[in-house]
Amino acid sequence: MADYPSSPDYDPNTAESLFEGAAWEKSFASEPNGGNCVEVNLARAGLVGVRDTKLGASPVLVFDRGEWTAFLAAVKAGQFDLPPSSGGD
């Protein structure tokens, strides 16, 4: 994908320009947390932008659709679940 930054000098703060500002979406589940969550942008063909709502416009992480699909599959499979608490914390 030659149309987005992919060098060692990549600065996620410049990635905002790849996405339309109005197209950012956040989960309804973020509302109990005061609206603080992550936002996702699917407006750019083949790319997915992800950012923290608390930080506003930047920094933006950019993934291709394959990377994003693999991440979502891992989340759904529980690969990022926290281990059960031992009760002694």
PDB file of N, CA and C in Angstrom:
ATOM      1  N   MET A   1       0.844  -1.169   0.000  1.00  0.00           N
ATOM      2  CA  MET A   1       0.000   0.000   0.000  1.00  0.00           C
ATOM      3  C   MET A   1       0.891   1.234   0.000  1.00  0.00           C
ATOM      4  N   ALA A   2       1.187   1.732  -1.130  1.00  0.00           N
ATOM      5  CA  ALA A   2       2.121   2.836  -1.257  1.00  0.00           C
ATOM      6  C   ALA A   2       1.508   4.191  -0.964  1.00  0.00           C
ATOM      7  N   ASP A   3       0.208   4.276  -0.735  1.00  0.00           N
ATOM      8  CA  ASP A   3      -0.419   5.583  -0.565  1.00  0.00           C
ATOM      9  C   ASP A   3      -0.534   6.025   0.889  1.00  0.00           C
ATOM     10  N   TYR A   4       0.143   5.352   1.819  1.00  0.00           N
ATOM     11  CA  TYR A   4       0.164   5.835   3.197  1.00  0.00           C
ATOM     12  C   TYR A   4       1.556   5.631   3.775  1.00  0.00           C
ATOM     13  N   PRO A   5       1.906   6.381   4.814  1.00  0.00           N
ATOM     14  CA  PRO A   5       3.260   6.317   5.367  1.00  0.00           C
ATOM     15  C   PRO A   5       3.624   4.914   5.816  1.00  0.00           C
ATOM     16  N   SER A   6       4.831   4.484   5.454  1.00  0.00           N
ATOM     17  CA  SER A   6       5.269   3.151   5.859  1.00  0.00           C
ATOM     18  C   SER A   6       6.780   3.104   6.046  1.00  0.00           C
ATOM     19  N   SER A   7       7.372   4.178   6.511  1.00  0.00           N
ATOM     20  CA  SER A   7       8.813   4.221   6.710  1.00  0.00           C
ATOM     21  C   SER A   7       9.135   4.214   8.197  1.00  0.00           C
ATOM     22  N   PRO A   8      10.410   3.993   8.540  1.00  0.00           N
ATOM     23  CA  PRO A   8      10.791   4.054   9.958  1.00  0.00           C
ATOM     24  C   PRO A   8      10.531   5.434  10.566  1.00  0.00           C
ATOM     25  N   ASP A   9      10.390   6.455   9.731  1.00  0.00           N
ATOM     26  CA  ASP A   9      10.130   7.812  10.204  1.00  0.00           C
ATOM     27  C   ASP A   9       8.641   8.104  10.331  1.00  0.00           C
ATOM     28  N   TYR A  10       7.809   7.099  10.195  1.00  0.00           N
ATOM     29  CA  TYR A  10       6.356   7.282  10.257  1.00  0.00           C
ATOM     30  C   TYR A  10       5.961   7.961  11.557  1.00  0.00           C
ATOM     31  N   ASP A  11       5.173   8.996  11.449  1.00  0.00           N
ATOM     32  CA  ASP A  11       4.689   9.742  12.612  1.00  0.00           C
ATOM     33  C   ASP A  11       3.176   9.585  12.686  1.00  0.00           C
ATOM     34  N   PRO A  12       2.653   8.880  13.694  1.00  0.00           N
ATOM     35  CA  PRO A  12       1.205   8.671  13.762  1.00  0.00           C
ATOM     36  C   PRO A  12       0.419   9.973  13.872  1.00  0.00           C
ATOM     37  N   ASN A  13       1.070  11.065  14.276  1.00  0.00           N
ATOM     38  CA  ASN A  13       0.366  12.341  14.359  1.00  0.00           C
ATOM     39  C   ASN A  13      -0.004  12.878  12.983  1.00  0.00           C
ATOM     40  N   THR A  14       0.695  12.457  11.945  1.00  0.00           N
ATOM     41  CA  THR A  14       0.370  12.925  10.599  1.00  0.00           C
ATOM     42  C   THR A  14      -0.687  12.059   9.929  1.00  0.00           C
ATOM     43  N   ALA A  15      -1.014  10.928  10.507  1.00  0.00           N
ATOM     44  CA  ALA A  15      -1.964  10.002   9.895  1.00  0.00           C
ATOM     45  C   ALA A  15      -3.381  10.550   9.870  1.00  0.00           C
ATOM     46  N   GLU A  16      -3.689  11.532  10.704  1.00  0.00           N
ATOM     47  CA  GLU A  16      -5.034  12.123  10.738  1.00  0.00           C
ATOM     48  C   GLU A  16      -5.453  12.599   9.358  1.00  0.00           C
ATOM     49  N   SER A  17      -4.500  13.091   8.565  1.00  0.00           N
ATOM     50  CA  SER A  17      -4.840  13.613   7.242  1.00  0.00           C
ATOM     51  C   SER A  17      -5.333  12.529   6.286  1.00  0.00           C
ATOM     52  N   LEU A  18      -5.118  11.268   6.619  1.00  0.00           N
ATOM     53  CA  LEU A  18      -5.591  10.173   5.773  1.00  0.00           C
ATOM     54  C   LEU A  18      -7.091   9.933   5.914  1.00  0.00           C
ATOM     55  N   PHE A  19      -7.693  10.483   6.953  1.00  0.00           N
ATOM     56  CA  PHE A  19      -9.088  10.178   7.261  1.00  0.00           C
ATOM     57  C   PHE A  19      -9.921  11.446   7.370  1.00  0.00           C
ATOM     58  N   GLU A  20     -11.174  11.324   7.010  1.00  0.00           N
ATOM     59  CA  GLU A  20     -12.101  12.439   7.138  1.00  0.00           C
ATOM     60  C   GLU A  20     -12.496  12.572   8.606  1.00  0.00           C
ATOM     61  N   GLY A  21     -12.351  13.750   9.169  1.00  0.00           N
ATOM     62  CA  GLY A  21     -12.616  13.959  10.589  1.00  0.00           C
ATOM     63  C   GLY A  21     -14.012  13.565  11.029  1.00  0.00           C
ATOM     64  N   ALA A  22     -15.017  13.740  10.186  1.00  0.00           N
ATOM     65  CA  ALA A  22     -16.401  13.452  10.583  1.00  0.00           C
ATOM     66  C   ALA A  22     -16.722  11.960  10.593  1.00  0.00           C
ATOM     67  N   ALA A  23     -15.858  11.130  10.054  1.00  0.00           N
ATOM     68  CA  ALA A  23     -16.169   9.710   9.901  1.00  0.00           C
ATOM     69  C   ALA A  23     -15.743   8.862  11.101  1.00  0.00           C
ATOM     70  N   TRP A  24     -15.203   9.469  12.147  1.00  0.00           N
ATOM     71  CA  TRP A  24     -14.779   8.699  13.316  1.00  0.00           C
ATOM     72  C   TRP A  24     -15.990   8.185  14.083  1.00  0.00           C
ATOM     73  N   GLU A  25     -15.922   6.927  14.509  1.00  0.00           N
ATOM     74  CA  GLU A  25     -17.019   6.307  15.252  1.00  0.00           C
ATOM     75  C   GLU A  25     -16.468   5.684  16.522  1.00  0.00           C
ATOM     76  N   LYS A  26     -17.268   5.710  17.583  1.00  0.00           N
ATOM     77  CA  LYS A  26     -16.854   5.037  18.808  1.00  0.00           C
ATOM     78  C   LYS A  26     -17.962   4.111  19.277  1.00  0.00           C
ATOM     79  N   SER A  27     -17.584   3.165  20.091  1.00  0.00           N
ATOM     80  CA  SER A  27     -18.512   2.164  20.599  1.00  0.00           C
ATOM     81  C   SER A  27     -19.537   2.790  21.531  1.00  0.00           C
ATOM     82  N   PHE A  28     -20.759   2.282  21.458  1.00  0.00           N
ATOM     83  CA  PHE A  28     -21.783   2.694  22.412  1.00  0.00           C
ATOM     84  C   PHE A  28     -21.370   2.292  23.830  1.00  0.00           C
ATOM     85  N   ALA A  29     -20.538   1.268  23.939  1.00  0.00           N
ATOM     86  CA  ALA A  29     -20.082   0.796  25.249  1.00  0.00           C
ATOM     87  C   ALA A  29     -19.183   1.809  25.946  1.00  0.00           C
ATOM     88  N   SER A  30     -18.700   2.809  25.227  1.00  0.00           N
ATOM     89  CA  SER A  30     -17.817   3.802  25.841  1.00  0.00           C
ATOM     90  C   SER A  30     -18.573   4.822  26.677  1.00  0.00           C
ATOM     91  N   GLU A  31     -19.876   4.939  26.496  1.00  0.00           N
ATOM     92  CA  GLU A  31     -20.651   5.954  27.212  1.00  0.00           C
ATOM     93  C   GLU A  31     -20.585   5.829  28.736  1.00  0.00           C
ATOM     94  N   PRO A  32     -20.651   4.619  29.322  1.00  0.00           N
ATOM     95  CA  PRO A  32     -20.536   4.536  30.785  1.00  0.00           C
ATOM     96  C   PRO A  32     -19.179   5.023  31.302  1.00  0.00           C
ATOM     97  N   ASN A  33     -18.191   5.097  30.427  1.00  0.00           N
ATOM     98  CA  ASN A  33     -16.856   5.564  30.806  1.00  0.00           C
ATOM     99  C   ASN A  33     -16.683   7.046  30.524  1.00  0.00           C
ATOM    100  N   GLY A  34     -17.767   7.775  30.438  1.00  0.00           N
ATOM    101  CA  GLY A  34     -17.683   9.196  30.141  1.00  0.00           C
ATOM    102  C   GLY A  34     -17.367   9.479  28.687  1.00  0.00           C
ATOM    103  N   GLY A  35     -17.575   8.485  27.832  1.00  0.00           N
ATOM    104  CA  GLY A  35     -17.289   8.657  26.414  1.00  0.00           C
ATOM    105  C   GLY A  35     -15.830   8.453  26.063  1.00  0.00           C
ATOM    106  N   ASN A  36     -15.018   8.078  27.043  1.00  0.00           N
ATOM    107  CA  ASN A  36     -13.598   7.856  26.790  1.00  0.00           C
ATOM    108  C   ASN A  36     -13.373   6.424  26.341  1.00  0.00           C
ATOM    109  N   CYS A  37     -12.921   6.283  25.137  1.00  0.00           N
ATOM    110  CA  CYS A  37     -12.742   4.965  24.551  1.00  0.00           C
ATOM    111  C   CYS A  37     -11.841   5.135  23.332  1.00  0.00           C
ATOM    112  N   VAL A  38     -11.922   4.218  22.410  1.00  0.00           N
ATOM    113  CA  VAL A  38     -11.221   4.382  21.142  1.00  0.00           C
ATOM    114  C   VAL A  38     -12.234   4.691  20.054  1.00  0.00           C
ATOM    115  N   GLU A  39     -11.761   5.382  19.027  1.00  0.00           N
ATOM    116  CA  GLU A  39     -12.581   5.675  17.859  1.00  0.00           C
ATOM    117  C   GLU A  39     -11.964   4.966  16.665  1.00  0.00           C
ATOM    118  N   VAL A  40     -12.812   4.544  15.749  1.00  0.00           N
ATOM    119  CA  VAL A  40     -12.378   3.835  14.552  1.00  0.00           C
ATOM    120  C   VAL A  40     -12.879   4.594  13.337  1.00  0.00           C
ATOM    121  N   ASN A  41     -12.052   4.629  12.298  1.00  0.00           N
ATOM    122  CA  ASN A  41     -12.422   5.296  11.059  1.00  0.00           C
ATOM    123  C   ASN A  41     -12.222   4.318   9.908  1.00  0.00           C
ATOM    124  N   LEU A  42     -13.300   4.027   9.183  1.00  0.00           N
ATOM    125  CA  LEU A  42     -13.255   3.090   8.057  1.00  0.00           C
ATOM    126  C   LEU A  42     -13.456   3.801   6.726  1.00  0.00           C
ATOM    127  N   ALA A  43     -13.316   5.124   6.699  1.00  0.00           N
ATOM    128  CA  ALA A  43     -13.651   5.912   5.515  1.00  0.00           C
ATOM    129  C   ALA A  43     -12.666   5.746   4.366  1.00  0.00           C
ATOM    130  N   ARG A  44     -11.442   5.405   4.648  1.00  0.00           N
ATOM    131  CA  ARG A  44     -10.422   5.298   3.605  1.00  0.00           C
ATOM    132  C   ARG A  44     -10.366   3.855   3.114  1.00  0.00           C
ATOM    133  N   ALA A  45     -10.531   3.660   1.819  1.00  0.00           N
ATOM    134  CA  ALA A  45     -10.546   2.312   1.243  1.00  0.00           C
ATOM    135  C   ALA A  45      -9.270   1.551   1.604  1.00  0.00           C
ATOM    136  N   GLY A  46      -9.451   0.373   2.195  1.00  0.00           N
ATOM    137  CA  GLY A  46      -8.330  -0.494   2.518  1.00  0.00           C
ATOM    138  C   GLY A  46      -7.617  -0.177   3.814  1.00  0.00           C
ATOM    139  N   LEU A  47      -7.989   0.908   4.486  1.00  0.00           N
ATOM    140  CA  LEU A  47      -7.309   1.303   5.714  1.00  0.00           C
ATOM    141  C   LEU A  47      -8.289   1.475   6.865  1.00  0.00           C
ATOM    142  N   VAL A  48      -7.782   1.284   8.067  1.00  0.00           N
ATOM    143  CA  VAL A  48      -8.560   1.514   9.278  1.00  0.00           C
ATOM    144  C   VAL A  48      -7.726   2.413  10.181  1.00  0.00           C
ATOM    145  N   GLY A  49      -8.316   3.516  10.622  1.00  0.00           N
ATOM    146  CA  GLY A  49      -7.653   4.403  11.572  1.00  0.00           C
ATOM    147  C   GLY A  49      -8.222   4.175  12.958  1.00  0.00           C
ATOM    148  N   VAL A  50      -7.356   4.206  13.966  1.00  0.00           N
ATOM    149  CA  VAL A  50      -7.775   4.017  15.355  1.00  0.00           C
ATOM    150  C   VAL A  50      -7.119   5.110  16.189  1.00  0.00           C
ATOM    151  N   ARG A  51      -7.914   5.747  17.063  1.00  0.00           N
ATOM    152  CA  ARG A  51      -7.361   6.777  17.943  1.00  0.00           C
ATOM    153  C   ARG A  51      -8.074   6.759  19.290  1.00  0.00           C
ATOM    154  N   ASP A  52      -7.469   7.382  20.275  1.00  0.00           N
ATOM    155  CA  ASP A  52      -8.015   7.493  21.626  1.00  0.00           C
ATOM    156  C   ASP A  52      -8.877   8.745  21.695  1.00  0.00           C
ATOM    157  N   THR A  53     -10.109   8.620  22.155  1.00  0.00           N
ATOM    158  CA  THR A  53     -11.008   9.776  22.196  1.00  0.00           C
ATOM    159  C   THR A  53     -10.483  10.877  23.106  1.00  0.00           C
ATOM    160  N   LYS A  54      -9.742  10.519  24.138  1.00  0.00           N
ATOM    161  CA  LYS A  54      -9.220  11.529  25.062  1.00  0.00           C
ATOM    162  C   LYS A  54      -8.165  12.405  24.403  1.00  0.00           C
ATOM    163  N   LEU A  55      -7.527  11.905  23.352  1.00  0.00           N
ATOM    164  CA  LEU A  55      -6.456  12.645  22.697  1.00  0.00           C
ATOM    165  C   LEU A  55      -6.930  13.389  21.461  1.00  0.00           C
ATOM    166  N   GLY A  56      -8.198  13.260  21.114  1.00  0.00           N
ATOM    167  CA  GLY A  56      -8.738  13.997  19.975  1.00  0.00           C
ATOM    168  C   GLY A  56      -8.181  13.536  18.648  1.00  0.00           C
ATOM    169  N   ALA A  57      -7.690  14.467  17.853  1.00  0.00           N
ATOM    170  CA  ALA A  57      -7.319  14.197  16.473  1.00  0.00           C
ATOM    171  C   ALA A  57      -6.080  13.327  16.314  1.00  0.00           C
ATOM    172  N   SER A  58      -5.241  13.199  17.319  1.00  0.00           N
ATOM    173  CA  SER A  58      -4.034  12.422  17.123  1.00  0.00           C
ATOM    174  C   SER A  58      -3.530  11.889  18.454  1.00  0.00           C
ATOM    175  N   PRO A  59      -2.643  10.921  18.480  1.00  0.00           N
ATOM    176  CA  PRO A  59      -2.095  10.203  17.341  1.00  0.00           C
ATOM    177  C   PRO A  59      -3.081   9.173  16.795  1.00  0.00           C
ATOM    178  N   VAL A  60      -2.884   8.829  15.551  1.00  0.00           N
ATOM    179  CA  VAL A  60      -3.737   7.862  14.863  1.00  0.00           C
ATOM    180  C   VAL A  60      -2.893   6.652  14.485  1.00  0.00           C
ATOM    181  N   LEU A  61      -3.380   5.484  14.825  1.00  0.00           N
ATOM    182  CA  LEU A  61      -2.751   4.244  14.378  1.00  0.00           C
ATOM    183  C   LEU A  61      -3.448   3.816  13.101  1.00  0.00           C
ATOM    184  N   VAL A  62      -2.678   3.364  12.116  1.00  0.00           N
ATOM    185  CA  VAL A  62      -3.239   2.984  10.821  1.00  0.00           C
ATOM    186  C   VAL A  62      -2.957   1.506  10.571  1.00  0.00           C
ATOM    187  N   PHE A  63      -4.015   0.777  10.216  1.00  0.00           N
ATOM    188  CA  PHE A  63      -3.914  -0.645   9.911  1.00  0.00           C
ATOM    189  C   PHE A  63      -4.542  -0.909   8.556  1.00  0.00           C
ATOM    190  N   ASP A  64      -4.040  -1.939   7.855  1.00  0.00           N
ATOM    191  CA  ASP A  64      -4.764  -2.329   6.644  1.00  0.00           C
ATOM    192  C   ASP A  64      -5.919  -3.236   7.073  1.00  0.00           C
ATOM    193  N   ARG A  65      -6.828  -3.507   6.137  1.00  0.00           N
ATOM    194  CA  ARG A  65      -8.042  -4.265   6.505  1.00  0.00           C
ATOM    195  C   ARG A  65      -7.714  -5.663   7.031  1.00  0.00           C
ATOM    196  N   GLY A  66      -6.685  -6.293   6.482  1.00  0.00           N
ATOM    197  CA  GLY A  66      -6.301  -7.622   6.948  1.00  0.00           C
ATOM    198  C   GLY A  66      -5.816  -7.612   8.385  1.00  0.00           C
ATOM    199  N   GLU A  67      -4.998  -6.621   8.727  1.00  0.00           N
ATOM    200  CA  GLU A  67      -4.516  -6.494  10.103  1.00  0.00           C
ATOM    201  C   GLU A  67      -5.672  -6.243  11.067  1.00  0.00           C
ATOM    202  N   TRP A  68      -6.596  -5.372  10.663  1.00  0.00           N
ATOM    203  CA  TRP A  68      -7.737  -5.041  11.514  1.00  0.00           C
ATOM    204  C   TRP A  68      -8.636  -6.260  11.716  1.00  0.00           C
ATOM    205  N   THR A  69      -8.876  -7.009  10.644  1.00  0.00           N
ATOM    206  CA  THR A  69      -9.707  -8.212  10.729  1.00  0.00           C
ATOM    207  C   THR A  69      -9.066  -9.242  11.659  1.00  0.00           C
ATOM    208  N   ALA A  70      -7.747  -9.408  11.558  1.00  0.00           N
ATOM    209  CA  ALA A  70      -7.041 -10.350  12.432  1.00  0.00           C
ATOM    210  C   ALA A  70      -7.119  -9.901  13.894  1.00  0.00           C
ATOM    211  N   PHE A  71      -6.989  -8.605  14.143  1.00  0.00           N
ATOM    212  CA  PHE A  71      -7.098  -8.077  15.500  1.00  0.00           C
ATOM    213  C   PHE A  71      -8.486  -8.344  16.077  1.00  0.00           C
ATOM    214  N   LEU A  72      -9.529  -8.035  15.307  1.00  0.00           N
ATOM    215  CA  LEU A  72     -10.898  -8.258  15.788  1.00  0.00           C
ATOM    216  C   LEU A  72     -11.160  -9.735  16.064  1.00  0.00           C
ATOM    217  N   ALA A  73     -10.645 -10.615  15.205  1.00  0.00           N
ATOM    218  CA  ALA A  73     -10.821 -12.053  15.422  1.00  0.00           C
ATOM    219  C   ALA A  73     -10.141 -12.485  16.723  1.00  0.00           C
ATOM    220  N   ALA A  74      -8.960 -11.932  17.001  1.00  0.00           N
ATOM    221  CA  ALA A  74      -8.250 -12.269  18.238  1.00  0.00           C
ATOM    222  C   ALA A  74      -9.017 -11.777  19.463  1.00  0.00           C
ATOM    223  N   VAL A  75      -9.595 -10.578  19.366  1.00  0.00           N
ATOM    224  CA  VAL A  75     -10.402 -10.056  20.479  1.00  0.00           C
ATOM    225  C   VAL A  75     -11.599 -10.963  20.724  1.00  0.00           C
ATOM    226  N   LYS A  76     -12.295 -11.323  19.654  1.00  0.00           N
ATOM    227  CA  LYS A  76     -13.478 -12.182  19.789  1.00  0.00           C
ATOM    228  C   LYS A  76     -13.120 -13.558  20.343  1.00  0.00           C
ATOM    229  N   ALA A  77     -11.909 -14.033  20.037  1.00  0.00           N
ATOM    230  CA  ALA A  77     -11.469 -15.346  20.515  1.00  0.00           C
ATOM    231  C   ALA A  77     -10.959 -15.301  21.955  1.00  0.00           C
ATOM    232  N   GLY A  78     -10.908 -14.106  22.540  1.00  0.00           N
ATOM    233  CA  GLY A  78     -10.475 -13.981  23.926  1.00  0.00           C
ATOM    234  C   GLY A  78      -8.977 -13.917  24.131  1.00  0.00           C
ATOM    235  N   GLN A  79      -8.211 -13.716  23.068  1.00  0.00           N
ATOM    236  CA  GLN A  79      -6.760 -13.708  23.184  1.00  0.00           C
ATOM    237  C   GLN A  79      -6.222 -12.544  24.013  1.00  0.00           C
ATOM    238  N   PHE A  80      -7.014 -11.513  24.221  1.00  0.00           N
ATOM    239  CA  PHE A  80      -6.565 -10.359  24.993  1.00  0.00           C
ATOM    240  C   PHE A  80      -7.277 -10.245  26.341  1.00  0.00           C
ATOM    241  N   ASP A  81      -8.053 -11.257  26.693  1.00  0.00           N
ATOM    242  CA  ASP A  81      -8.759 -11.233  27.972  1.00  0.00           C
ATOM    243  C   ASP A  81      -7.751 -11.251  29.124  1.00  0.00           C
ATOM    244  N   LEU A  82      -8.080 -10.546  30.182  1.00  0.00           N
ATOM    245  CA  LEU A  82      -7.241 -10.566  31.374  1.00  0.00           C
ATOM    246  C   LEU A  82      -7.408 -11.904  32.076  1.00  0.00           C
ATOM    247  N   PRO A  83      -6.342 -12.392  32.722  1.00  0.00           N
ATOM    248  CA  PRO A  83      -6.483 -13.653  33.455  1.00  0.00           C
ATOM    249  C   PRO A  83      -7.421 -13.456  34.642  1.00  0.00           C
ATOM    250  N   PRO A  84      -8.072 -14.526  35.083  1.00  0.00           N
ATOM    251  CA  PRO A  84      -8.963 -14.415  36.242  1.00  0.00           C
ATOM    252  C   PRO A  84      -8.186 -13.939  37.465  1.00  0.00           C
ATOM    253  N   SER A  85      -8.811 -13.118  38.259  1.00  0.00           N
ATOM    254  CA  SER A  85      -8.182 -12.610  39.479  1.00  0.00           C
ATOM    255  C   SER A  85      -8.039 -13.738  40.495  1.00  0.00           C
ATOM    256  N   SER A  86      -6.924 -13.735  41.198  1.00  0.00           N
ATOM    257  CA  SER A  86      -6.706 -14.767  42.215  1.00  0.00           C
ATOM    258  C   SER A  86      -7.464 -14.460  43.500  1.00  0.00           C
ATOM    259  N   GLY A  87      -8.054 -13.269  43.566  1.00  0.00           N
ATOM    260  CA  GLY A  87      -8.825 -12.887  44.738  1.00  0.00           C
ATOM    261  C   GLY A  87      -7.979 -12.274  45.835  1.00  0.00           C
ATOM    262  N   GLY A  88      -6.660 -12.308  45.687  1.00  0.00           N
ATOM    263  CA  GLY A  88      -5.780 -11.760  46.707  1.00  0.00           C
ATOM    264  C   GLY A  88      -5.312 -10.355  46.405  1.00  0.00           C
ATOM    265  N   ASP A  89      -5.871  -9.742  45.388  1.00  0.00           N
ATOM    266  CA  ASP A  89      -5.413  -8.397  45.013  1.00  0.00           C
ATOM    267  C   ASP A  89      -6.061  -7.335  45.829  1.00  0.00           C
TER     268      ASP A  89
END
